[in-house]
Protein backbone atom coordinates (compact mmCIF):
# COMPACT_ATOMS: atom_id res chain seq x y z
CA GLU A 1 0.17 0.00 -0.19
CA ILE A 2 1.17 3.22 -1.00
CA PRO A 3 2.04 5.50 2.35
CA LYS A 4 -0.43 8.40 2.56
CA ARG A 5 1.77 10.68 3.86
CA ASP A 6 4.12 12.88 1.50
CA TRP A 7 7.47 12.81 3.65
CA SER A 8 9.47 14.79 1.34
CA SER A 9 9.64 18.16 3.48
CA ASP A 10 10.70 16.08 6.25
CA VAL A 11 13.76 14.23 4.89
CA CYS A 12 17.24 15.23 4.31
CA SER A 13 20.24 13.57 3.00
CA SER A 14 22.19 11.69 5.69
CA ASP A 15 25.26 12.04 4.26
CA LEU A 16 25.24 15.78 4.69
CA MET A 17 25.68 15.01 7.98
CA VAL A 18 29.18 15.96 9.81
CA PRO A 19 31.66 13.27 10.98
CA ALA A 20 30.90 14.05 14.64
CA ALA A 21 27.60 13.92 14.09
CA GLN A 22 28.03 10.34 12.18
CA ASN A 23 29.91 9.21 15.24
CA ALA A 24 27.50 10.70 17.70
CA LEU A 25 25.12 8.07 16.04
CA LEU A 26 27.25 5.01 16.34
CA LYS A 27 25.83 3.83 19.93
CA THR A 28 22.17 4.53 19.03
CA LEU A 29 22.33 2.57 15.69
CA GLU A 30 24.02 -0.41 17.10
CA GLU A 31 21.47 -0.42 20.18
CA PRO A 32 18.64 1.51 19.25
CA PRO A 33 15.59 1.82 21.42
CA SER A 34 13.08 -1.30 21.01
CA ALA A 35 10.36 1.28 19.95
CA SER A 36 12.28 3.16 17.45
CA VAL A 37 13.37 2.64 13.98
CA PHE A 38 15.90 4.92 12.26
CA LEU A 39 16.02 5.60 8.46
CA LEU A 40 18.92 6.98 6.98
CA VAL A 41 18.28 8.49 3.80
CA SER A 42 20.85 8.96 0.92
CA SER A 43 21.31 9.19 -2.66
CA MET A 44 25.09 8.45 -1.80
CA PRO A 45 25.46 6.28 0.83
CA ASP A 46 29.40 5.43 0.38
CA ALA A 47 29.52 9.05 1.33
CA LEU A 48 28.99 8.13 4.91
CA LEU A 49 31.56 6.81 7.51
CA PRO A 50 32.25 2.95 7.21
CA THR A 51 31.38 2.64 10.97
CA VAL A 52 27.85 3.97 10.03
CA LEU A 53 27.44 1.79 7.33
CA SER A 54 28.48 -1.14 8.95
CA ARG A 55 25.39 -0.72 11.23
CA CYS A 56 22.97 -0.17 8.87
CA PRO A 57 21.23 -2.78 6.45
CA ARG A 58 20.57 -0.96 2.96
CA LEU A 59 17.28 -0.81 1.30
CA ARG A 60 17.13 0.50 -2.11
CA PHE A 61 13.94 2.24 -3.21
CA ALA A 62 12.94 2.16 -6.93
CA ALA A 63 10.68 5.02 -8.56
CA LEU A 64 7.16 4.59 -8.25
CA SER A 65 5.33 3.88 -11.08
CA PRO A 66 3.08 6.05 -13.38
CA ASP A 67 -0.21 4.18 -12.03
CA GLU A 68 1.39 4.92 -8.23
CA VAL A 69 2.15 8.27 -8.71
CA ALA A 70 -1.66 8.91 -10.30
CA THR A 71 -3.39 7.25 -6.95
CA VAL A 72 -1.58 9.39 -4.69
CA LEU A 73 -2.06 12.42 -6.43
CA MET A 74 -6.04 11.52 -6.58
CA ARG A 75 -6.41 10.56 -3.41
CA ASP A 76 -4.10 12.76 -1.50
CA HIS A 77 -4.12 16.08 -3.43
CA GLU A 78 -7.77 16.09 -5.17
CA TYR A 79 -6.27 15.84 -8.57
CA THR A 80 -8.84 14.45 -11.57
CA LYS A 81 -8.23 11.27 -12.90
CA PRO A 82 -6.93 12.99 -16.52
CA ASP A 83 -4.54 15.67 -14.67
CA ALA A 84 -3.22 12.86 -12.31
CA ARG A 85 -2.37 10.69 -15.26
CA ALA A 86 -0.76 13.62 -17.02
CA ALA A 87 1.45 14.72 -14.38
CA ALA A 88 2.35 11.31 -13.33
CA ALA A 89 3.63 10.39 -17.02
CA ASP A 90 6.06 13.65 -16.48
CA SER A 91 7.14 12.66 -12.96
CA ASN A 92 9.83 10.25 -13.40
CA GLY A 93 8.11 8.21 -10.39
CA SER A 94 8.31 11.22 -8.02
CA VAL A 95 4.83 12.67 -6.20
CA ALA A 96 7.17 15.78 -5.55
CA LEU A 97 7.86 16.40 -8.92
CA ALA A 98 4.49 15.71 -10.26
CA LEU A 99 3.30 18.24 -7.91
CA ALA A 100 5.92 20.89 -8.73
CA GLN A 101 4.07 21.16 -11.97
CA ASP A 102 1.39 23.01 -10.74
CA SER A 103 2.70 26.16 -13.33
CA VAL A 104 1.53 24.63 -15.97
CA ASP A 105 -1.66 22.64 -17.37
CA VAL A 106 0.12 19.01 -17.32
CA ALA A 107 -3.10 17.52 -18.95
CA ALA A 108 -3.40 20.07 -21.95
CA ALA A 109 0.54 19.61 -22.44
CA ARG A 110 0.29 15.89 -23.03
CA ASP A 111 -3.00 16.68 -25.14
CA ALA A 112 -0.90 19.05 -27.36
CA ALA A 113 1.87 16.62 -27.54
CA GLN A 114 -0.20 13.49 -28.63
CA GLN A 115 -1.85 16.11 -31.31
CA LEU A 116 1.58 16.78 -32.49
CA LEU A 117 2.64 13.23 -32.82
CA THR A 118 -0.30 12.77 -34.74
CA GLN A 119 -0.18 15.36 -37.40
CA ALA A 120 3.41 14.44 -37.79
CA ALA A 121 2.33 11.23 -38.64
CA GLN A 122 -0.29 12.15 -41.11
CA THR A 123 1.65 14.76 -43.28
CA THR A 124 5.18 15.55 -44.16
CA ASP A 125 3.97 19.16 -45.48
CA ARG A 126 6.15 21.76 -44.00
CA VAL A 127 3.56 24.79 -44.59
CA ARG A 128 0.84 22.37 -42.38
CA LEU A 129 3.57 21.20 -39.72
CA ILE A 130 4.63 25.07 -39.23
CA ASP A 131 0.75 25.95 -38.85
CA ALA A 132 0.74 22.83 -36.25
CA ALA A 133 3.03 24.64 -34.46
CA LYS A 134 1.13 27.47 -33.67
CA ASN A 135 -0.62 25.56 -31.23
CA LEU A 136 2.26 24.83 -29.07
CA THR A 137 3.15 28.38 -27.80
CA GLY A 138 0.91 31.68 -27.22
CA LYS A 139 1.48 34.58 -29.16
CA SER A 140 4.29 35.98 -26.99
CA SER A 141 7.63 34.44 -25.60
CA THR A 142 6.37 34.84 -21.76
CA ALA A 143 7.50 32.80 -18.99
CA GLU A 144 4.36 30.80 -18.95
CA ASP A 145 4.55 29.94 -22.79
CA ARG A 146 8.15 28.93 -22.18
CA ASP A 147 7.11 26.94 -19.06
CA GLN A 148 4.34 25.54 -21.20
CA LEU A 149 5.87 24.49 -24.24
CA GLY A 150 8.83 22.61 -21.91
CA ALA A 151 5.81 20.55 -20.33
CA ILE A 152 4.68 20.07 -24.02
CA LEU A 153 8.12 18.56 -24.98
CA ARG A 154 8.52 16.53 -22.26
CA ALA A 155 5.16 14.83 -22.93
CA THR A 156 6.02 14.67 -26.55
CA GLY A 157 9.34 12.75 -25.15
CA SER A 158 7.31 10.54 -22.79
CA LEU A 159 4.97 9.49 -25.61
CA LEU A 160 7.79 8.64 -27.66
CA ARG A 161 9.33 6.47 -25.09
CA ASP A 162 6.18 4.60 -25.06
CA LEU A 163 6.14 4.23 -28.89
CA GLY A 164 9.47 3.03 -28.88
CA LEU A 165 8.26 0.15 -26.04
CA LEU A 166 5.31 -0.59 -28.22
CA ALA A 167 7.60 -0.91 -31.06
CA THR A 168 9.54 -3.47 -29.23
CA GLN A 169 6.42 -5.40 -28.24
CA SER A 170 6.63 -4.72 -24.52
CA ASN A 171 3.92 -5.09 -21.99
CA THR A 172 1.72 -1.88 -21.73
CA PRO A 173 2.21 -1.80 -17.55
CA SER A 174 5.48 -0.43 -18.54
CA LEU A 175 4.24 2.42 -20.52
CA ALA A 176 4.45 6.17 -18.63
CA ASN A 177 1.08 6.68 -20.57
CA ALA A 178 -0.72 3.19 -20.38
CA ASP A 179 -4.19 5.07 -20.72
CA LEU A 180 -3.18 6.18 -23.80
CA ALA A 181 -2.06 2.75 -25.52
CA ASP A 182 -4.64 2.39 -27.91
CA GLU A 183 -4.26 5.82 -29.33
CA LEU A 184 -0.67 5.49 -29.72
CA ASP A 185 -0.69 1.91 -31.48
CA PRO A 186 -1.90 3.68 -34.49
CA LEU A 187 0.93 5.63 -34.86
CA LEU A 188 3.58 2.87 -34.97
CA LYS A 189 2.64 2.29 -38.77
CA ARG A 190 4.45 5.68 -39.38
CA PHE A 191 7.14 5.93 -36.48
CA THR A 192 9.69 3.22 -36.76
CA ARG A 193 12.30 2.66 -34.39
CA ASP A 194 14.83 4.83 -36.09
CA ARG A 195 12.23 7.52 -36.34
CA ILE A 196 11.27 7.57 -32.98
CA THR A 197 15.27 7.59 -31.79
CA ARG A 198 15.88 10.37 -33.93
CA ALA A 199 12.73 12.10 -32.63
CA TYR A 200 13.50 11.62 -29.20
CA ALA A 201 16.95 13.36 -29.63
CA ALA A 202 15.09 16.06 -31.08
CA VAL A 203 13.04 16.70 -28.20
CA ASP A 204 15.98 16.57 -26.00
CA GLU A 205 17.71 18.94 -28.04
CA ALA A 206 14.54 21.44 -28.02
CA LEU A 207 14.59 21.14 -24.08
CA GLY A 208 17.98 22.36 -24.24
CA ALA A 209 17.20 25.39 -26.42
CA LEU A 210 14.38 26.57 -24.10
CA GLU A 211 16.87 26.37 -21.12
CA ARG A 212 19.27 28.50 -23.12
CA ASN A 213 16.67 31.01 -23.46
CA VAL A 214 16.02 30.58 -27.26
CA SER A 215 12.50 32.03 -28.58
CA PRO A 216 9.62 29.38 -27.91
CA LYS A 217 8.26 30.41 -31.10
CA VAL A 218 11.59 29.49 -32.64
CA VAL A 219 11.85 25.99 -30.89
CA ALA A 220 8.02 25.08 -31.63
CA ASP A 221 8.77 25.75 -35.17
CA TRP A 222 12.08 23.69 -35.23
CA ILE A 223 10.87 20.65 -33.32
CA VAL A 224 7.70 20.47 -35.68
CA LEU A 225 9.89 19.46 -38.46
CA GLN A 226 12.29 17.47 -36.73
CA LEU A 227 9.51 14.85 -35.89
């Protein structure tokens, strides 16, 4: 069962403790009180003192699945199912990252990404593709436009990843957007594995351009021609 409490605000990395603080824990770790459990959380456990590591069994935590993230968002944060699914697909298995996307409309971003891939599968006409790019940004290059285009690009990358999995006949539970599997399957007729790989690399390059403050309109016009 997924725990109801979000502990992200209560946890700090144990490897940030200075050696003196770690040494002060040794006796407690060796003989903990019977009613207590200590969890030392760290993404770099080897940075802890060997004497601390020798007293602690290691537990490795994997990222949550998209379904698990969506469940937490709906249960604890009053997300609708479509919004939860969209946020979970762009969360990289982290509820905290999903919640951090409040500044953008992730459901609209995923819809736009799906429409973008569908349009790219239907035509190679550059004029029609550039026209489709108008739906990816607003009329001005505001911070909101940049954030929303970034969300669309990340959603596009997520959908392309799922297309790659479908192309290899992988099971749908592995998909970040499992609820869109039926809509993605027809795209495989036009998106070969090589095209998926090239498109995914283009999305990554487009995200990098946004981070370098390239105009969202320029990025949008470029990416539609790369897919």
